[in-house]
Amino acid sequence: MSIAVEHNKVWDWPLQANDEFVNVVEDSKHFEVDLDAKYFSPKEIKVKTMGDLLQIQMEHDDNSNTNISRTILRIKG
């Protein structure tokens, strides 16, 4: 007999709405992270795995009138 085990975690994420935590679901079939990345386009987001580590990098440059640059790098394991 085998019992499926889910490991639910929460991550602190700097851009999450209302300063909430990010829900992370991991089981034997998938790994899911639901985070807020509304300030970045898909081409500005890079996700890599390195063994048991997950690297999420987001980088956005706004060169309109304000010249804003925003970079986030998180490595979780």
PDB file of N, CA and C in Angstrom:
ATOM      1  N   MET A   1       0.848  -1.178   0.000  1.00  0.00           N
ATOM      2  CA  MET A   1       0.000   0.000   0.000  1.00  0.00           C
ATOM      3  C   MET A   1       0.894   1.242   0.000  1.00  0.00           C
ATOM      4  N   SER A   2       0.595   2.202  -0.863  1.00  0.00           N
ATOM      5  CA  SER A   2       1.342   3.457  -0.864  1.00  0.00           C
ATOM      6  C   SER A   2       0.389   4.614  -0.616  1.00  0.00           C
ATOM      7  N   ILE A   3       0.904   5.611   0.027  1.00  0.00           N
ATOM      8  CA  ILE A   3       0.111   6.792   0.357  1.00  0.00           C
ATOM      9  C   ILE A   3       0.733   7.989  -0.336  1.00  0.00           C
ATOM     10  N   ALA A   4      -0.063   8.711  -1.111  1.00  0.00           N
ATOM     11  CA  ALA A   4       0.431   9.915  -1.786  1.00  0.00           C
ATOM     12  C   ALA A   4       0.650  11.011  -0.753  1.00  0.00           C
ATOM     13  N   VAL A   5       1.777  11.658  -0.858  1.00  0.00           N
ATOM     14  CA  VAL A   5       2.116  12.725   0.079  1.00  0.00           C
ATOM     15  C   VAL A   5       2.282  14.022  -0.688  1.00  0.00           C
ATOM     16  N   GLU A   6       1.633  15.068  -0.256  1.00  0.00           N
ATOM     17  CA  GLU A   6       1.812  16.396  -0.838  1.00  0.00           C
ATOM     18  C   GLU A   6       2.602  17.250   0.133  1.00  0.00           C
ATOM     19  N   HIS A   7       3.548  17.988  -0.413  1.00  0.00           N
ATOM     20  CA  HIS A   7       4.341  18.904   0.405  1.00  0.00           C
ATOM     21  C   HIS A   7       3.945  20.320   0.019  1.00  0.00           C
ATOM     22  N   ASN A   8       3.143  20.953   0.812  1.00  0.00           N
ATOM     23  CA  ASN A   8       2.746  22.331   0.546  1.00  0.00           C
ATOM     24  C   ASN A   8       3.678  23.265   1.301  1.00  0.00           C
ATOM     25  N   LYS A   9       4.158  24.267   0.609  1.00  0.00           N
ATOM     26  CA  LYS A   9       5.090  25.225   1.185  1.00  0.00           C
ATOM     27  C   LYS A   9       4.604  26.629   0.857  1.00  0.00           C
ATOM     28  N   VAL A  10       5.188  27.598   1.499  1.00  0.00           N
ATOM     29  CA  VAL A  10       4.954  28.993   1.137  1.00  0.00           C
ATOM     30  C   VAL A  10       6.307  29.672   0.986  1.00  0.00           C
ATOM     31  N   TRP A  11       6.397  30.574   0.029  1.00  0.00           N
ATOM     32  CA  TRP A  11       7.602  31.356  -0.213  1.00  0.00           C
ATOM     33  C   TRP A  11       7.272  32.821  -0.035  1.00  0.00           C
ATOM     34  N   ASP A  12       8.231  33.578   0.430  1.00  0.00           N
ATOM     35  CA  ASP A  12       8.111  35.027   0.464  1.00  0.00           C
ATOM     36  C   ASP A  12       8.511  35.541  -0.914  1.00  0.00           C
ATOM     37  N   TRP A  13       7.680  36.395  -1.515  1.00  0.00           N
ATOM     38  CA  TRP A  13       7.938  36.910  -2.861  1.00  0.00           C
ATOM     39  C   TRP A  13       7.768  38.418  -2.832  1.00  0.00           C
ATOM     40  N   PRO A  14       8.764  39.198  -3.275  1.00  0.00           N
ATOM     41  CA  PRO A  14       8.742  40.652  -3.088  1.00  0.00           C
ATOM     42  C   PRO A  14       7.617  41.392  -3.802  1.00  0.00           C
ATOM     43  N   LEU A  15       7.057  40.850  -4.866  1.00  0.00           N
ATOM     44  CA  LEU A  15       6.021  41.572  -5.613  1.00  0.00           C
ATOM     45  C   LEU A  15       4.626  40.989  -5.424  1.00  0.00           C
ATOM     46  N   GLN A  16       4.449  40.083  -4.486  1.00  0.00           N
ATOM     47  CA  GLN A  16       3.156  39.442  -4.307  1.00  0.00           C
ATOM     48  C   GLN A  16       2.127  40.465  -3.824  1.00  0.00           C
ATOM     49  N   ALA A  17       0.937  40.409  -4.390  1.00  0.00           N
ATOM     50  CA  ALA A  17      -0.132  41.342  -4.031  1.00  0.00           C
ATOM     51  C   ALA A  17      -0.427  41.269  -2.536  1.00  0.00           C
ATOM     52  N   ASN A  18      -0.664  42.398  -1.932  1.00  0.00           N
ATOM     53  CA  ASN A  18      -1.001  42.515  -0.509  1.00  0.00           C
ATOM     54  C   ASN A  18       0.056  41.900   0.403  1.00  0.00           C
ATOM     55  N   ASP A  19       1.286  41.814  -0.074  1.00  0.00           N
ATOM     56  CA  ASP A  19       2.409  41.276   0.703  1.00  0.00           C
ATOM     57  C   ASP A  19       2.118  39.870   1.221  1.00  0.00           C
ATOM     58  N   GLU A  20       1.388  39.081   0.426  1.00  0.00           N
ATOM     59  CA  GLU A  20       1.060  37.711   0.799  1.00  0.00           C
ATOM     60  C   GLU A  20       2.212  36.777   0.424  1.00  0.00           C
ATOM     61  N   PHE A  21       2.122  35.547   0.888  1.00  0.00           N
ATOM     62  CA  PHE A  21       3.111  34.538   0.545  1.00  0.00           C
ATOM     63  C   PHE A  21       2.683  33.801  -0.720  1.00  0.00           C
ATOM     64  N   VAL A  22       3.625  33.166  -1.377  1.00  0.00           N
ATOM     65  CA  VAL A  22       3.379  32.394  -2.589  1.00  0.00           C
ATOM     66  C   VAL A  22       3.109  30.951  -2.187  1.00  0.00           C
ATOM     67  N   ASN A  23       2.059  30.364  -2.743  1.00  0.00           N
ATOM     68  CA  ASN A  23       1.770  28.964  -2.478  1.00  0.00           C
ATOM     69  C   ASN A  23       2.583  28.081  -3.410  1.00  0.00           C
ATOM     70  N   VAL A  24       3.163  27.035  -2.857  1.00  0.00           N
ATOM     71  CA  VAL A  24       3.960  26.077  -3.607  1.00  0.00           C
ATOM     72  C   VAL A  24       3.364  24.700  -3.358  1.00  0.00           C
ATOM     73  N   VAL A  25       3.064  23.968  -4.428  1.00  0.00           N
ATOM     74  CA  VAL A  25       2.542  22.615  -4.314  1.00  0.00           C
ATOM     75  C   VAL A  25       3.510  21.675  -5.013  1.00  0.00           C
ATOM     76  N   GLU A  26       3.896  20.625  -4.321  1.00  0.00           N
ATOM     77  CA  GLU A  26       4.816  19.648  -4.881  1.00  0.00           C
ATOM     78  C   GLU A  26       4.317  18.261  -4.519  1.00  0.00           C
ATOM     79  N   ASP A  27       4.132  17.426  -5.531  1.00  0.00           N
ATOM     80  CA  ASP A  27       3.800  16.031  -5.276  1.00  0.00           C
ATOM     81  C   ASP A  27       4.605  15.164  -6.239  1.00  0.00           C
ATOM     82  N   SER A  28       4.292  13.907  -6.329  1.00  0.00           N
ATOM     83  CA  SER A  28       5.087  12.995  -7.154  1.00  0.00           C
ATOM     84  C   SER A  28       4.943  13.254  -8.648  1.00  0.00           C
ATOM     85  N   LYS A  29       3.934  14.015  -9.068  1.00  0.00           N
ATOM     86  CA  LYS A  29       3.691  14.236 -10.498  1.00  0.00           C
ATOM     87  C   LYS A  29       3.999  15.642 -10.986  1.00  0.00           C
ATOM     88  N   HIS A  30       3.994  16.621 -10.103  1.00  0.00           N
ATOM     89  CA  HIS A  30       4.238  17.987 -10.575  1.00  0.00           C
ATOM     90  C   HIS A  30       4.757  18.891  -9.455  1.00  0.00           C
ATOM     91  N   PHE A  31       5.245  20.023  -9.901  1.00  0.00           N
ATOM     92  CA  PHE A  31       5.735  21.071  -9.006  1.00  0.00           C
ATOM     93  C   PHE A  31       5.099  22.358  -9.491  1.00  0.00           C
ATOM     94  N   GLU A  32       4.440  23.089  -8.613  1.00  0.00           N
ATOM     95  CA  GLU A  32       3.689  24.278  -9.019  1.00  0.00           C
ATOM     96  C   GLU A  32       3.979  25.439  -8.072  1.00  0.00           C
ATOM     97  N   VAL A  33       4.295  26.591  -8.657  1.00  0.00           N
ATOM     98  CA  VAL A  33       4.520  27.815  -7.901  1.00  0.00           C
ATOM     99  C   VAL A  33       3.607  28.878  -8.497  1.00  0.00           C
ATOM    100  N   ASP A  34       2.774  29.481  -7.671  1.00  0.00           N
ATOM    101  CA  ASP A  34       1.838  30.504  -8.140  1.00  0.00           C
ATOM    102  C   ASP A  34       2.302  31.850  -7.594  1.00  0.00           C
ATOM    103  N   LEU A  35       3.012  32.611  -8.439  1.00  0.00           N
ATOM    104  CA  LEU A  35       3.540  33.889  -7.979  1.00  0.00           C
ATOM    105  C   LEU A  35       3.106  35.019  -8.898  1.00  0.00           C
ATOM    106  N   ASP A  36       3.195  36.226  -8.389  1.00  0.00           N
ATOM    107  CA  ASP A  36       2.774  37.424  -9.112  1.00  0.00           C
ATOM    108  C   ASP A  36       3.950  37.970  -9.916  1.00  0.00           C
ATOM    109  N   ALA A  37       3.820  37.963 -11.243  1.00  0.00           N
ATOM    110  CA  ALA A  37       4.878  38.477 -12.119  1.00  0.00           C
ATOM    111  C   ALA A  37       4.294  39.472 -13.118  1.00  0.00           C
ATOM    112  N   LYS A  38       3.270  40.211 -12.690  1.00  0.00           N
ATOM    113  CA  LYS A  38       2.542  41.078 -13.617  1.00  0.00           C
ATOM    114  C   LYS A  38       3.374  42.227 -14.173  1.00  0.00           C
ATOM    115  N   TYR A  39       4.478  42.561 -13.538  1.00  0.00           N
ATOM    116  CA  TYR A  39       5.307  43.663 -14.029  1.00  0.00           C
ATOM    117  C   TYR A  39       6.318  43.215 -15.080  1.00  0.00           C
ATOM    118  N   PHE A  40       6.320  41.936 -15.420  1.00  0.00           N
ATOM    119  CA  PHE A  40       7.291  41.378 -16.350  1.00  0.00           C
ATOM    120  C   PHE A  40       6.584  40.688 -17.507  1.00  0.00           C
ATOM    121  N   SER A  41       7.156  40.805 -18.700  1.00  0.00           N
ATOM    122  CA  SER A  41       6.635  40.069 -19.848  1.00  0.00           C
ATOM    123  C   SER A  41       7.254  38.670 -19.831  1.00  0.00           C
ATOM    124  N   PRO A  42       6.660  37.707 -20.539  1.00  0.00           N
ATOM    125  CA  PRO A  42       7.221  36.353 -20.553  1.00  0.00           C
ATOM    126  C   PRO A  42       8.687  36.301 -20.984  1.00  0.00           C
ATOM    127  N   LYS A  43       9.083  37.166 -21.908  1.00  0.00           N
ATOM    128  CA  LYS A  43      10.477  37.136 -22.368  1.00  0.00           C
ATOM    129  C   LYS A  43      11.454  37.689 -21.323  1.00  0.00           C
ATOM    130  N   GLU A  44      10.948  38.335 -20.276  1.00  0.00           N
ATOM    131  CA  GLU A  44      11.790  38.883 -19.210  1.00  0.00           C
ATOM    132  C   GLU A  44      11.934  37.925 -18.022  1.00  0.00           C
ATOM    133  N   ILE A  45      11.332  36.742 -18.131  1.00  0.00           N
ATOM    134  CA  ILE A  45      11.340  35.769 -17.044  1.00  0.00           C
ATOM    135  C   ILE A  45      12.138  34.546 -17.470  1.00  0.00           C
ATOM    136  N   LYS A  46      13.094  34.155 -16.633  1.00  0.00           N
ATOM    137  CA  LYS A  46      13.893  32.955 -16.882  1.00  0.00           C
ATOM    138  C   LYS A  46      13.750  32.031 -15.681  1.00  0.00           C
ATOM    139  N   VAL A  47      13.457  30.769 -15.952  1.00  0.00           N
ATOM    140  CA  VAL A  47      13.333  29.767 -14.902  1.00  0.00           C
ATOM    141  C   VAL A  47      14.277  28.622 -15.240  1.00  0.00           C
ATOM    142  N   LYS A  48      15.116  28.257 -14.283  1.00  0.00           N
ATOM    143  CA  LYS A  48      16.079  27.171 -14.485  1.00  0.00           C
ATOM    144  C   LYS A  48      16.032  26.234 -13.288  1.00  0.00           C
ATOM    145  N   THR A  49      16.321  24.967 -13.548  1.00  0.00           N
ATOM    146  CA  THR A  49      16.511  24.021 -12.461  1.00  0.00           C
ATOM    147  C   THR A  49      17.972  23.610 -12.439  1.00  0.00           C
ATOM    148  N   MET A  50      18.489  23.465 -11.229  1.00  0.00           N
ATOM    149  CA  MET A  50      19.873  23.048 -11.023  1.00  0.00           C
ATOM    150  C   MET A  50      19.851  21.998  -9.920  1.00  0.00           C
ATOM    151  N   GLY A  51      19.737  20.731 -10.308  1.00  0.00           N
ATOM    152  CA  GLY A  51      19.579  19.674  -9.306  1.00  0.00           C
ATOM    153  C   GLY A  51      18.259  19.850  -8.592  1.00  0.00           C
ATOM    154  N   ASP A  52      18.314  20.033  -7.280  1.00  0.00           N
ATOM    155  CA  ASP A  52      17.102  20.241  -6.480  1.00  0.00           C
ATOM    156  C   ASP A  52      16.763  21.713  -6.294  1.00  0.00           C
ATOM    157  N   LEU A  53      17.477  22.605  -6.970  1.00  0.00           N
ATOM    158  CA  LEU A  53      17.250  24.040  -6.822  1.00  0.00           C
ATOM    159  C   LEU A  53      16.448  24.592  -7.990  1.00  0.00           C
ATOM    160  N   LEU A  54      15.632  25.584  -7.710  1.00  0.00           N
ATOM    161  CA  LEU A  54      14.866  26.293  -8.727  1.00  0.00           C
ATOM    162  C   LEU A  54      15.326  27.741  -8.723  1.00  0.00           C
ATOM    163  N   GLN A  55      15.752  28.233  -9.879  1.00  0.00           N
ATOM    164  CA  GLN A  55      16.181  29.630 -10.008  1.00  0.00           C
ATOM    165  C   GLN A  55      15.149  30.375 -10.834  1.00  0.00           C
ATOM    166  N   ILE A  56      14.630  31.466 -10.285  1.00  0.00           N
ATOM    167  CA  ILE A  56      13.676  32.326 -10.985  1.00  0.00           C
ATOM    168  C   ILE A  56      14.314  33.699 -11.097  1.00  0.00           C
ATOM    169  N   GLN A  57      14.498  34.168 -12.325  1.00  0.00           N
ATOM    170  CA  GLN A  57      15.098  35.482 -12.555  1.00  0.00           C
ATOM    171  C   GLN A  57      14.159  36.299 -13.424  1.00  0.00           C
ATOM    172  N   MET A  58      13.867  37.510 -12.976  1.00  0.00           N
ATOM    173  CA  MET A  58      13.019  38.431 -13.722  1.00  0.00           C
ATOM    174  C   MET A  58      13.753  39.749 -13.844  1.00  0.00           C
ATOM    175  N   GLU A  59      13.797  40.284 -15.049  1.00  0.00           N
ATOM    176  CA  GLU A  59      14.514  41.537 -15.269  1.00  0.00           C
ATOM    177  C   GLU A  59      13.727  42.398 -16.243  1.00  0.00           C
ATOM    178  N   HIS A  60      13.467  43.645 -15.849  1.00  0.00           N
ATOM    179  CA  HIS A  60      12.674  44.561 -16.667  1.00  0.00           C
ATOM    180  C   HIS A  60      13.341  45.930 -16.671  1.00  0.00           C
ATOM    181  N   ASP A  61      13.518  46.479 -17.856  1.00  0.00           N
ATOM    182  CA  ASP A  61      14.028  47.844 -18.006  1.00  0.00           C
ATOM    183  C   ASP A  61      12.964  48.674 -18.698  1.00  0.00           C
ATOM    184  N   ASP A  62      12.572  49.764 -18.080  1.00  0.00           N
ATOM    185  CA  ASP A  62      11.601  50.686 -18.670  1.00  0.00           C
ATOM    186  C   ASP A  62      12.344  51.964 -19.016  1.00  0.00           C
ATOM    187  N   ASN A  63      12.604  52.157 -20.278  1.00  0.00           N
ATOM    188  CA  ASN A  63      13.389  53.307 -20.715  1.00  0.00           C
ATOM    189  C   ASN A  63      12.526  54.448 -21.240  1.00  0.00           C
ATOM    190  N   SER A  64      11.263  54.470 -20.867  1.00  0.00           N
ATOM    191  CA  SER A  64      10.388  55.544 -21.346  1.00  0.00           C
ATOM    192  C   SER A  64      10.814  56.876 -20.744  1.00  0.00           C
ATOM    193  N   ASN A  65      10.073  57.397 -19.818  1.00  0.00           N
ATOM    194  CA  ASN A  65      10.409  58.690 -19.209  1.00  0.00           C
ATOM    195  C   ASN A  65      11.144  58.554 -17.882  1.00  0.00           C
ATOM    196  N   THR A  66      10.969  57.423 -17.209  1.00  0.00           N
ATOM    197  CA  THR A  66      11.489  57.304 -15.851  1.00  0.00           C
ATOM    198  C   THR A  66      12.759  56.476 -15.743  1.00  0.00           C
ATOM    199  N   ASN A  67      13.114  55.728 -16.777  1.00  0.00           N
ATOM    200  CA  ASN A  67      14.320  54.901 -16.786  1.00  0.00           C
ATOM    201  C   ASN A  67      14.376  53.995 -15.554  1.00  0.00           C
ATOM    202  N   ILE A  68      13.376  53.144 -15.415  1.00  0.00           N
ATOM    203  CA  ILE A  68      13.266  52.239 -14.275  1.00  0.00           C
ATOM    204  C   ILE A  68      13.833  50.877 -14.651  1.00  0.00           C
ATOM    205  N   SER A  69      14.594  50.297 -13.751  1.00  0.00           N
ATOM    206  CA  SER A  69      15.111  48.946 -13.926  1.00  0.00           C
ATOM    207  C   SER A  69      14.727  48.133 -12.702  1.00  0.00           C
ATOM    208  N   ARG A  70      14.238  46.921 -12.915  1.00  0.00           N
ATOM    209  CA  ARG A  70      13.826  46.063 -11.807  1.00  0.00           C
ATOM    210  C   ARG A  70      14.357  44.663 -12.075  1.00  0.00           C
ATOM    211  N   THR A  71      15.082  44.113 -11.121  1.00  0.00           N
ATOM    212  CA  THR A  71      15.617  42.762 -11.245  1.00  0.00           C
ATOM    213  C   THR A  71      15.318  41.990  -9.972  1.00  0.00           C
ATOM    214  N   ILE A  72      14.841  40.762 -10.142  1.00  0.00           N
ATOM    215  CA  ILE A  72      14.580  39.878  -9.013  1.00  0.00           C
ATOM    216  C   ILE A  72      15.248  38.549  -9.318  1.00  0.00           C
ATOM    217  N   LEU A  73      15.984  38.019  -8.369  1.00  0.00           N
ATOM    218  CA  LEU A  73      16.597  36.704  -8.501  1.00  0.00           C
ATOM    219  C   LEU A  73      16.327  35.939  -7.223  1.00  0.00           C
ATOM    220  N   ARG A  74      15.690  34.786  -7.345  1.00  0.00           N
ATOM    221  CA  ARG A  74      15.413  33.933  -6.196  1.00  0.00           C
ATOM    222  C   ARG A  74      15.879  32.526  -6.530  1.00  0.00           C
ATOM    223  N   ILE A  75      16.549  31.899  -5.594  1.00  0.00           N
ATOM    224  CA  ILE A  75      16.933  30.502  -5.733  1.00  0.00           C
ATOM    225  C   ILE A  75      16.346  29.769  -4.538  1.00  0.00           C
ATOM    226  N   LYS A  76      15.547  28.759  -4.819  1.00  0.00           N
ATOM    227  CA  LYS A  76      14.871  28.008  -3.763  1.00  0.00           C
ATOM    228  C   LYS A  76      15.236  26.540  -3.883  1.00  0.00           C
ATOM    229  N   GLY A  77      15.337  25.900  -2.765  1.00  0.00           N
ATOM    230  CA  GLY A  77      15.644  24.470  -2.780  1.00  0.00           C
ATOM    231  C   GLY A  77      15.000  23.753  -1.648  1.00  0.00           C
TER     232      GLY A  77
END
